[in-house]
Amino acid sequence: MILTVMGRGNSFILILIFTLFPMGINGGQSQEIQTKERIISTFTGRAPREWGEVLEGVKTRLNTDQKVLALTFDACGGSKKLGYEAKLIQVLESEETPATLFVSGRWIDANPEIFKKLSNSLLFEIENHGLNHKPCSAIGRSVYGLEGTKRVGEIYDEIELNALKILNLTGRKPKYFRPGTAYCDEICVEIAHSLGYEVVNFNVRGDAGITHPKKQVKKALLNAPPASIILMHMNHPESETAEGVIEAIPELKKRGFRFVKLSEYGLR
């Protein structure tokens, strides 16, 4: 703000000139660039030694001895995998069963109104499944026919740009990151930690990438030990995941299990 005083005889005219600088926007963009440059400088040139779903630093269980289960549902991002399992969400809502939803940026873009509805629900917490649902690799490794990120800068984009997308849409930045396909190398894990996220996979494969029929989904849930993180999917309405969950939830409640979000407990 610039204050100018102009005099004319006994009269004074005060002119207030406001100059608006988008400090928040420009400052935020500058910080993102600096963070990305730091990540690239720190991690480029290292050769990864590990590759898989379970690596050091990847969390797969709730850190508790209580009789609780964490249902986690992935919304992936392949060209033919951008659907929405409405029946599944309706079941969770009718049973008042909380869950953690890992969503990709591609799925968000394909389902903006559904994403908005889910993010406004107190039953669900929204977490990060990658901008483009890519396996998280420093050298472009592939799995299930999907090519991973090829370099450190792409790992940053896959993690942080989707986190910022979720933040801009919900007002809340995710705490957890699950790579596309759940595969990553240790460099991805270290980068995620450097950005302030925990990498979370699972110890129970609930629907085996939506290949399980409802009986096997139900069996996987009923056999889950306490403190399990269960992986299923919510972007394949043609699957039988919802039917398996429908049958398993009441039985698990009868057995004394509670369902929780990931954020309600520490992870291990």
C-alpha atoms as a PDB file:
ATOM      1  CA  MET A   1       0.000   0.000   0.000  1.00  0.00           C
ATOM      2  CA  ILE A   2       1.300   3.477  -0.952  1.00  0.00           C
ATOM      3  CA  LEU A   3      -0.084   6.586   0.780  1.00  0.00           C
ATOM      4  CA  THR A   4       0.150   9.858  -1.168  1.00  0.00           C
ATOM      5  CA  VAL A   5      -0.852  13.264   0.261  1.00  0.00           C
ATOM      6  CA  MET A   6      -1.687  16.004  -2.196  1.00  0.00           C
ATOM      7  CA  GLY A   7      -2.371  19.558  -1.110  1.00  0.00           C
ATOM      8  CA  ARG A   8      -4.485  22.175  -2.810  1.00  0.00           C
ATOM      9  CA  GLY A   9      -4.943  25.284  -0.761  1.00  0.00           C
ATOM     10  CA  ASN A  10      -6.505  24.332   2.549  1.00  0.00           C
ATOM     11  CA  SER A  11      -7.730  21.016   1.170  1.00  0.00           C
ATOM     12  CA  PHE A  12      -5.901  17.745   1.203  1.00  0.00           C
ATOM     13  CA  ILE A  13      -6.649  14.730  -0.893  1.00  0.00           C
ATOM     14  CA  LEU A  14      -5.511  11.376   0.421  1.00  0.00           C
ATOM     15  CA  ILE A  15      -4.877   8.859  -2.307  1.00  0.00           C
ATOM     16  CA  LEU A  16      -4.506   5.258  -1.233  1.00  0.00           C
ATOM     17  CA  ILE A  17      -2.900   3.052  -3.800  1.00  0.00           C
ATOM     18  CA  PHE A  18      -3.039  -0.688  -3.189  1.00  0.00           C
ATOM     19  CA  THR A  19      -0.797  -2.941  -5.145  1.00  0.00           C
ATOM     20  CA  LEU A  20      -1.699  -6.595  -4.935  1.00  0.00           C
ATOM     21  CA  PHE A  21       1.094  -9.089  -5.146  1.00  0.00           C
ATOM     22  CA  PRO A  22      -0.053 -12.743  -5.090  1.00  0.00           C
ATOM     23  CA  MET A  23       2.552 -13.569  -2.498  1.00  0.00           C
ATOM     24  CA  GLY A  24       0.821 -16.729  -1.346  1.00  0.00           C
ATOM     25  CA  ILE A  25       0.525 -18.175  -4.836  1.00  0.00           C
ATOM     26  CA  ASN A  26       3.955 -17.163  -6.102  1.00  0.00           C
ATOM     27  CA  GLY A  27       5.561 -18.057  -2.801  1.00  0.00           C
ATOM     28  CA  GLY A  28       3.925 -21.473  -2.826  1.00  0.00           C
ATOM     29  CA  GLN A  29       5.020 -22.187  -6.390  1.00  0.00           C
ATOM     30  CA  SER A  30       8.554 -21.083  -5.602  1.00  0.00           C
ATOM     31  CA  GLN A  31       8.659 -23.361  -2.570  1.00  0.00           C
ATOM     32  CA  GLU A  32       7.430 -26.316  -4.636  1.00  0.00           C
ATOM     33  CA  ILE A  33      10.154 -25.709  -7.227  1.00  0.00           C
ATOM     34  CA  GLN A  34      12.796 -25.508  -4.516  1.00  0.00           C
ATOM     35  CA  THR A  35      11.522 -28.689  -2.872  1.00  0.00           C
ATOM     36  CA  LYS A  36      11.547 -30.579  -6.171  1.00  0.00           C
ATOM     37  CA  GLU A  37      15.065 -29.347  -6.922  1.00  0.00           C
ATOM     38  CA  ARG A  38      16.201 -30.480  -3.474  1.00  0.00           C
ATOM     39  CA  ILE A  39      14.686 -33.938  -3.983  1.00  0.00           C
ATOM     40  CA  ILE A  40      16.299 -34.286  -7.419  1.00  0.00           C
ATOM     41  CA  SER A  41      19.680 -33.143  -6.127  1.00  0.00           C
ATOM     42  CA  THR A  42      19.568 -35.445  -3.088  1.00  0.00           C
ATOM     43  CA  PHE A  43      18.373 -38.669  -4.698  1.00  0.00           C
ATOM     44  CA  THR A  44      19.465 -38.620  -8.366  1.00  0.00           C
ATOM     45  CA  GLY A  45      22.287 -41.013  -9.216  1.00  0.00           C
ATOM     46  CA  ARG A  46      21.438 -43.658  -6.641  1.00  0.00           C
ATOM     47  CA  ALA A  47      20.748 -47.154  -7.897  1.00  0.00           C
ATOM     48  CA  PRO A  48      17.791 -48.851  -6.172  1.00  0.00           C
ATOM     49  CA  ARG A  49      18.420 -52.277  -4.643  1.00  0.00           C
ATOM     50  CA  GLU A  50      14.882 -53.255  -3.630  1.00  0.00           C
ATOM     51  CA  TRP A  51      11.605 -53.581  -5.519  1.00  0.00           C
ATOM     52  CA  GLY A  52       8.264 -54.856  -4.271  1.00  0.00           C
ATOM     53  CA  GLU A  53       5.260 -54.309  -2.029  1.00  0.00           C
ATOM     54  CA  VAL A  54       7.008 -54.796   1.312  1.00  0.00           C
ATOM     55  CA  LEU A  55      10.251 -52.896   1.857  1.00  0.00           C
ATOM     56  CA  GLU A  56      11.916 -51.377   4.872  1.00  0.00           C
ATOM     57  CA  GLY A  57       9.966 -48.264   5.816  1.00  0.00           C
ATOM     58  CA  VAL A  58       6.694 -49.410   4.227  1.00  0.00           C
ATOM     59  CA  LYS A  59       3.926 -49.766   6.806  1.00  0.00           C
ATOM     60  CA  THR A  60       1.664 -52.821   6.612  1.00  0.00           C
ATOM     61  CA  ARG A  61      -0.084 -53.085  10.021  1.00  0.00           C
ATOM     62  CA  LEU A  62      -1.776 -50.932  12.625  1.00  0.00           C
ATOM     63  CA  ASN A  63       0.422 -50.415  15.663  1.00  0.00           C
ATOM     64  CA  THR A  64      -1.982 -51.859  18.236  1.00  0.00           C
ATOM     65  CA  ASP A  65      -3.001 -55.107  19.883  1.00  0.00           C
ATOM     66  CA  GLN A  66      -6.682 -54.177  19.817  1.00  0.00           C
ATOM     67  CA  LYS A  67      -9.261 -56.099  17.810  1.00  0.00           C
ATOM     68  CA  VAL A  68      -9.496 -53.580  14.993  1.00  0.00           C
ATOM     69  CA  LEU A  69      -9.262 -53.709  11.200  1.00  0.00           C
ATOM     70  CA  ALA A  70      -8.496 -50.973   8.675  1.00  0.00           C
ATOM     71  CA  LEU A  71     -10.368 -51.281   5.394  1.00  0.00           C
ATOM     72  CA  THR A  72      -8.494 -49.475   2.626  1.00  0.00           C
ATOM     73  CA  PHE A  73      -9.856 -49.079  -0.891  1.00  0.00           C
ATOM     74  CA  ASP A  74      -7.826 -48.005  -3.904  1.00  0.00           C
ATOM     75  CA  ALA A  75      -9.256 -45.885  -6.708  1.00  0.00           C
ATOM     76  CA  CYS A  76      -6.738 -46.558  -9.437  1.00  0.00           C
ATOM     77  CA  GLY A  77      -6.122 -44.734 -12.686  1.00  0.00           C
ATOM     78  CA  GLY A  78      -5.792 -46.998 -15.711  1.00  0.00           C
ATOM     79  CA  SER A  79      -7.710 -46.102 -18.858  1.00  0.00           C
ATOM     80  CA  LYS A  80     -10.271 -48.854 -18.176  1.00  0.00           C
ATOM     81  CA  LYS A  81     -10.130 -48.586 -14.396  1.00  0.00           C
ATOM     82  CA  LEU A  82     -11.816 -45.280 -13.668  1.00  0.00           C
ATOM     83  CA  GLY A  83     -15.212 -46.568 -12.532  1.00  0.00           C
ATOM     84  CA  TYR A  84     -16.885 -46.238  -9.162  1.00  0.00           C
ATOM     85  CA  GLU A  85     -18.261 -48.974  -6.897  1.00  0.00           C
ATOM     86  CA  ALA A  86     -21.281 -47.060  -5.583  1.00  0.00           C
ATOM     87  CA  LYS A  87     -22.778 -50.160  -3.972  1.00  0.00           C
ATOM     88  CA  LEU A  88     -19.656 -50.657  -1.885  1.00  0.00           C
ATOM     89  CA  ILE A  89     -19.733 -47.088  -0.566  1.00  0.00           C
ATOM     90  CA  GLN A  90     -23.451 -47.391   0.187  1.00  0.00           C
ATOM     91  CA  VAL A  91     -22.747 -50.510   2.253  1.00  0.00           C
ATOM     92  CA  LEU A  92     -20.031 -48.764   4.243  1.00  0.00           C
ATOM     93  CA  GLU A  93     -22.347 -45.828   4.874  1.00  0.00           C
ATOM     94  CA  SER A  94     -25.315 -47.967   5.898  1.00  0.00           C
ATOM     95  CA  GLU A  95     -23.123 -50.017   8.236  1.00  0.00           C
ATOM     96  CA  GLU A  96     -21.420 -46.833   9.519  1.00  0.00           C
ATOM     97  CA  THR A  97     -18.095 -48.460   8.715  1.00  0.00           C
ATOM     98  CA  PRO A  98     -15.125 -46.094   8.330  1.00  0.00           C
ATOM     99  CA  ALA A  99     -12.494 -46.665   5.676  1.00  0.00           C
ATOM    100  CA  THR A 100      -9.407 -45.102   4.142  1.00  0.00           C
ATOM    101  CA  LEU A 101      -9.619 -44.302   0.418  1.00  0.00           C
ATOM    102  CA  PHE A 102      -6.433 -44.110  -1.641  1.00  0.00           C
ATOM    103  CA  VAL A 103      -7.240 -42.134  -4.795  1.00  0.00           C
ATOM    104  CA  SER A 104      -5.164 -41.414  -7.876  1.00  0.00           C
ATOM    105  CA  GLY A 105      -5.133 -38.068  -9.623  1.00  0.00           C
ATOM    106  CA  ARG A 106      -6.493 -39.648 -12.798  1.00  0.00           C
ATOM    107  CA  TRP A 107      -9.439 -41.109 -10.895  1.00  0.00           C
ATOM    108  CA  ILE A 108     -10.164 -37.737  -9.278  1.00  0.00           C
ATOM    109  CA  ASP A 109     -10.184 -36.031 -12.683  1.00  0.00           C
ATOM    110  CA  ALA A 110     -12.593 -38.655 -14.060  1.00  0.00           C
ATOM    111  CA  ASN A 111     -14.939 -38.517 -11.037  1.00  0.00           C
ATOM    112  CA  PRO A 112     -14.869 -34.980  -9.624  1.00  0.00           C
ATOM    113  CA  GLU A 113     -18.378 -34.936  -8.114  1.00  0.00           C
ATOM    114  CA  ILE A 114     -18.014 -38.387  -6.568  1.00  0.00           C
ATOM    115  CA  PHE A 115     -14.642 -37.395  -5.136  1.00  0.00           C
ATOM    116  CA  LYS A 116     -16.177 -34.261  -3.625  1.00  0.00           C
ATOM    117  CA  LYS A 117     -18.946 -36.314  -1.994  1.00  0.00           C
ATOM    118  CA  LEU A 118     -16.512 -38.866  -0.563  1.00  0.00           C
ATOM    119  CA  SER A 119     -14.137 -36.216   0.752  1.00  0.00           C
ATOM    120  CA  ASN A 120     -17.018 -34.509   2.587  1.00  0.00           C
ATOM    121  CA  SER A 121     -17.979 -37.694   4.432  1.00  0.00           C
ATOM    122  CA  LEU A 122     -16.809 -38.079   8.020  1.00  0.00           C
ATOM    123  CA  LEU A 123     -16.618 -41.851   7.511  1.00  0.00           C
ATOM    124  CA  PHE A 124     -13.768 -41.683   5.039  1.00  0.00           C
ATOM    125  CA  GLU A 125     -10.277 -40.262   4.952  1.00  0.00           C
ATOM    126  CA  ILE A 126      -8.760 -39.473   1.554  1.00  0.00           C
ATOM    127  CA  GLU A 127      -5.172 -40.513   0.919  1.00  0.00           C
ATOM    128  CA  ASN A 128      -2.679 -40.441  -1.952  1.00  0.00           C
ATOM    129  CA  HIS A 129      -2.494 -43.171  -4.623  1.00  0.00           C
ATOM    130  CA  GLY A 130      -0.261 -41.253  -7.017  1.00  0.00           C
ATOM    131  CA  LEU A 131      -0.919 -38.660  -9.699  1.00  0.00           C
ATOM    132  CA  ASN A 132      -0.982 -41.152 -12.580  1.00  0.00           C
ATOM    133  CA  HIS A 133      -1.152 -44.453 -10.656  1.00  0.00           C
ATOM    134  CA  LYS A 134       2.373 -45.470 -11.621  1.00  0.00           C
ATOM    135  CA  PRO A 135       4.579 -47.998  -9.863  1.00  0.00           C
ATOM    136  CA  CYS A 136       7.077 -45.880  -7.934  1.00  0.00           C
ATOM    137  CA  SER A 137      10.501 -46.556  -9.457  1.00  0.00           C
ATOM    138  CA  ALA A 138      13.654 -44.501  -9.885  1.00  0.00           C
ATOM    139  CA  ILE A 139      14.526 -46.362 -13.103  1.00  0.00           C
ATOM    140  CA  GLY A 140      11.229 -47.138 -14.847  1.00  0.00           C
ATOM    141  CA  ARG A 141      10.621 -50.655 -13.577  1.00  0.00           C
ATOM    142  CA  SER A 142       7.333 -52.248 -14.599  1.00  0.00           C
ATOM    143  CA  VAL A 143       4.801 -54.536 -12.936  1.00  0.00           C
ATOM    144  CA  TYR A 144       1.441 -55.916 -14.126  1.00  0.00           C
ATOM    145  CA  GLY A 145       2.206 -54.373 -17.502  1.00  0.00           C
ATOM    146  CA  LEU A 146       2.418 -50.845 -16.071  1.00  0.00           C
ATOM    147  CA  GLU A 147       5.638 -48.896 -16.537  1.00  0.00           C
ATOM    148  CA  GLY A 148       6.827 -47.087 -13.455  1.00  0.00           C
ATOM    149  CA  THR A 149       8.233 -43.617 -12.992  1.00  0.00           C
ATOM    150  CA  LYS A 150      11.603 -43.304 -14.742  1.00  0.00           C
ATOM    151  CA  ARG A 151      13.508 -40.810 -12.633  1.00  0.00           C
ATOM    152  CA  VAL A 152      13.545 -38.970  -9.318  1.00  0.00           C
ATOM    153  CA  GLY A 153      11.671 -35.943 -10.651  1.00  0.00           C
ATOM    154  CA  GLU A 154       8.815 -38.172 -11.784  1.00  0.00           C
ATOM    155  CA  ILE A 155       8.652 -39.774  -8.332  1.00  0.00           C
ATOM    156  CA  TYR A 156       8.279 -36.297  -6.846  1.00  0.00           C
ATOM    157  CA  ASP A 157       5.472 -35.457  -9.295  1.00  0.00           C
ATOM    158  CA  GLU A 158       3.681 -38.750  -8.676  1.00  0.00           C
ATOM    159  CA  ILE A 159       3.658 -38.195  -4.916  1.00  0.00           C
ATOM    160  CA  GLU A 160       3.548 -34.464  -4.325  1.00  0.00           C
ATOM    161  CA  LEU A 161       1.446 -33.221  -7.222  1.00  0.00           C
ATOM    162  CA  ASN A 162      -1.374 -35.577  -6.279  1.00  0.00           C
ATOM    163  CA  ALA A 163      -1.060 -34.566  -2.633  1.00  0.00           C
ATOM    164  CA  LEU A 164      -1.392 -30.919  -3.673  1.00  0.00           C
ATOM    165  CA  LYS A 165      -4.368 -31.769  -5.894  1.00  0.00           C
ATOM    166  CA  ILE A 166      -6.111 -33.379  -2.909  1.00  0.00           C
ATOM    167  CA  LEU A 167      -5.172 -30.432  -0.690  1.00  0.00           C
ATOM    168  CA  ASN A 168      -6.592 -27.912  -3.167  1.00  0.00           C
ATOM    169  CA  LEU A 169      -9.862 -29.843  -3.468  1.00  0.00           C
ATOM    170  CA  THR A 170     -10.395 -30.779   0.178  1.00  0.00           C
ATOM    171  CA  GLY A 171      -8.383 -28.338   2.291  1.00  0.00           C
ATOM    172  CA  ARG A 172      -6.520 -31.300   3.814  1.00  0.00           C
ATOM    173  CA  LYS A 173      -3.172 -32.672   2.711  1.00  0.00           C
ATOM    174  CA  PRO A 174      -2.837 -36.472   2.802  1.00  0.00           C
ATOM    175  CA  LYS A 175      -0.661 -38.201   5.399  1.00  0.00           C
ATOM    176  CA  TYR A 176      -0.223 -41.497   3.590  1.00  0.00           C
ATOM    177  CA  PHE A 177       1.000 -42.575   0.162  1.00  0.00           C
ATOM    178  CA  ARG A 178       0.380 -45.901  -1.533  1.00  0.00           C
ATOM    179  CA  PRO A 179       2.158 -46.342  -4.884  1.00  0.00           C
ATOM    180  CA  GLY A 180       0.207 -47.342  -7.952  1.00  0.00           C
ATOM    181  CA  THR A 181       0.104 -51.177  -7.971  1.00  0.00           C
ATOM    182  CA  ALA A 182       1.604 -50.977  -4.422  1.00  0.00           C
ATOM    183  CA  TYR A 183       5.081 -51.542  -5.920  1.00  0.00           C
ATOM    184  CA  CYS A 184       7.993 -49.249  -5.175  1.00  0.00           C
ATOM    185  CA  ASP A 185      11.722 -49.162  -4.558  1.00  0.00           C
ATOM    186  CA  GLU A 186      13.499 -47.871  -1.478  1.00  0.00           C
ATOM    187  CA  ILE A 187      14.313 -44.559  -3.156  1.00  0.00           C
ATOM    188  CA  CYS A 188      10.593 -43.879  -3.520  1.00  0.00           C
ATOM    189  CA  VAL A 189      10.099 -44.680   0.159  1.00  0.00           C
ATOM    190  CA  GLU A 190      12.878 -42.288   1.194  1.00  0.00           C
ATOM    191  CA  ILE A 191      11.523 -39.513  -1.031  1.00  0.00           C
ATOM    192  CA  ALA A 192       8.035 -39.933   0.424  1.00  0.00           C
ATOM    193  CA  HIS A 193       9.467 -39.723   3.936  1.00  0.00           C
ATOM    194  CA  SER A 194      11.465 -36.636   2.965  1.00  0.00           C
ATOM    195  CA  LEU A 195       8.215 -35.005   1.815  1.00  0.00           C
ATOM    196  CA  GLY A 196       6.494 -35.888   5.084  1.00  0.00           C
ATOM    197  CA  TYR A 197       4.406 -38.927   4.081  1.00  0.00           C
ATOM    198  CA  GLU A 198       4.243 -42.502   5.310  1.00  0.00           C
ATOM    199  CA  VAL A 199       4.170 -45.225   2.664  1.00  0.00           C
ATOM    200  CA  VAL A 200       1.336 -47.637   3.473  1.00  0.00           C
ATOM    201  CA  ASN A 201       0.599 -50.999   1.880  1.00  0.00           C
ATOM    202  CA  PHE A 202      -1.181 -53.942   3.518  1.00  0.00           C
ATOM    203  CA  ASN A 203      -0.927 -57.355   5.136  1.00  0.00           C
ATOM    204  CA  VAL A 204      -4.236 -58.752   3.802  1.00  0.00           C
ATOM    205  CA  ARG A 205      -5.022 -58.823   0.085  1.00  0.00           C
ATOM    206  CA  GLY A 206      -8.803 -58.531   0.258  1.00  0.00           C
ATOM    207  CA  ASP A 207      -9.855 -58.798  -3.389  1.00  0.00           C
ATOM    208  CA  ALA A 208      -6.573 -59.640  -5.149  1.00  0.00           C
ATOM    209  CA  GLY A 209      -6.838 -56.757  -7.571  1.00  0.00           C
ATOM    210  CA  ILE A 210     -10.612 -57.384  -7.958  1.00  0.00           C
ATOM    211  CA  THR A 211      -9.980 -60.918  -9.238  1.00  0.00           C
ATOM    212  CA  HIS A 212     -11.527 -62.629  -6.206  1.00  0.00           C
ATOM    213  CA  PRO A 213     -15.196 -63.668  -6.257  1.00  0.00           C
ATOM    214  CA  LYS A 214     -17.294 -62.645  -3.272  1.00  0.00           C
ATOM    215  CA  LYS A 215     -16.645 -65.886  -1.343  1.00  0.00           C
ATOM    216  CA  GLN A 216     -12.896 -65.319  -1.440  1.00  0.00           C
ATOM    217  CA  VAL A 217     -13.275 -61.643  -0.518  1.00  0.00           C
ATOM    218  CA  LYS A 218     -15.405 -62.645   2.456  1.00  0.00           C
ATOM    219  CA  LYS A 219     -12.919 -65.358   3.447  1.00  0.00           C
ATOM    220  CA  ALA A 220      -9.979 -62.958   3.274  1.00  0.00           C
ATOM    221  CA  LEU A 221     -11.752 -60.498   5.593  1.00  0.00           C
ATOM    222  CA  LEU A 222     -12.917 -63.146   8.057  1.00  0.00           C
ATOM    223  CA  ASN A 223      -9.380 -64.558   8.289  1.00  0.00           C
ATOM    224  CA  ALA A 224      -7.748 -61.166   8.852  1.00  0.00           C
ATOM    225  CA  PRO A 225      -5.855 -60.997  12.167  1.00  0.00           C
ATOM    226  CA  PRO A 226      -6.319 -58.023  14.507  1.00  0.00           C
ATOM    227  CA  ALA A 227      -4.558 -54.793  13.472  1.00  0.00           C
ATOM    228  CA  SER A 228      -4.658 -55.762   9.781  1.00  0.00           C
ATOM    229  CA  ILE A 229      -4.599 -53.288   6.921  1.00  0.00           C
ATOM    230  CA  ILE A 230      -6.800 -54.805   4.212  1.00  0.00           C
ATOM    231  CA  LEU A 231      -6.365 -53.833   0.558  1.00  0.00           C
ATOM    232  CA  MET A 232      -9.383 -53.732  -1.762  1.00  0.00           C
ATOM    233  CA  HIS A 233     -10.574 -51.610  -4.678  1.00  0.00           C
ATOM    234  CA  MET A 234     -13.449 -49.204  -5.281  1.00  0.00           C
ATOM    235  CA  ASN A 235     -13.066 -48.429  -8.990  1.00  0.00           C
ATOM    236  CA  HIS A 236     -14.420 -51.667 -10.490  1.00  0.00           C
ATOM    237  CA  PRO A 237     -18.233 -51.776 -10.252  1.00  0.00           C
ATOM    238  CA  GLU A 238     -18.178 -55.037 -12.213  1.00  0.00           C
ATOM    239  CA  SER A 239     -16.278 -56.825  -9.435  1.00  0.00           C
ATOM    240  CA  GLU A 240     -17.716 -58.826  -6.526  1.00  0.00           C
ATOM    241  CA  THR A 241     -15.786 -56.896  -3.881  1.00  0.00           C
ATOM    242  CA  ALA A 242     -18.912 -55.177  -2.543  1.00  0.00           C
ATOM    243  CA  GLU A 243     -20.792 -58.461  -2.138  1.00  0.00           C
ATOM    244  CA  GLY A 244     -17.923 -59.980  -0.180  1.00  0.00           C
ATOM    245  CA  VAL A 245     -17.690 -56.950   2.081  1.00  0.00           C
ATOM    246  CA  ILE A 246     -21.471 -56.942   2.608  1.00  0.00           C
ATOM    247  CA  GLU A 247     -21.336 -60.503   3.942  1.00  0.00           C
ATOM    248  CA  ALA A 248     -18.162 -60.079   5.998  1.00  0.00           C
ATOM    249  CA  ILE A 249     -18.824 -56.861   7.941  1.00  0.00           C
ATOM    250  CA  PRO A 250     -21.747 -58.078  10.102  1.00  0.00           C
ATOM    251  CA  GLU A 251     -19.925 -61.316  10.932  1.00  0.00           C
ATOM    252  CA  LEU A 252     -16.747 -59.475  11.916  1.00  0.00           C
ATOM    253  CA  LYS A 253     -18.747 -57.124  14.147  1.00  0.00           C
ATOM    254  CA  LYS A 254     -20.326 -60.141  15.846  1.00  0.00           C
ATOM    255  CA  ARG A 255     -16.807 -61.423  16.519  1.00  0.00           C
ATOM    256  CA  GLY A 256     -15.978 -58.174  18.305  1.00  0.00           C
ATOM    257  CA  PHE A 257     -13.969 -56.420  15.597  1.00  0.00           C
ATOM    258  CA  ARG A 258     -14.113 -52.672  15.095  1.00  0.00           C
ATOM    259  CA  PHE A 259     -13.303 -50.898  11.841  1.00  0.00           C
ATOM    260  CA  VAL A 260     -11.029 -47.849  11.927  1.00  0.00           C
ATOM    261  CA  LYS A 261      -9.314 -45.330   9.694  1.00  0.00           C
ATOM    262  CA  LEU A 262      -5.546 -45.550   9.352  1.00  0.00           C
ATOM    263  CA  SER A 263      -5.084 -42.258  11.153  1.00  0.00           C
ATOM    264  CA  GLU A 264      -6.703 -43.574  14.341  1.00  0.00           C
ATOM    265  CA  TYR A 265      -3.601 -45.626  15.176  1.00  0.00           C
ATOM    266  CA  GLY A 266       0.088 -45.509  14.528  1.00  0.00           C
ATOM    267  CA  LEU A 267       1.426 -47.835  11.847  1.00  0.00           C
ATOM    268  CA  ARG A 268       4.093 -50.507  11.766  1.00  0.00           C
END
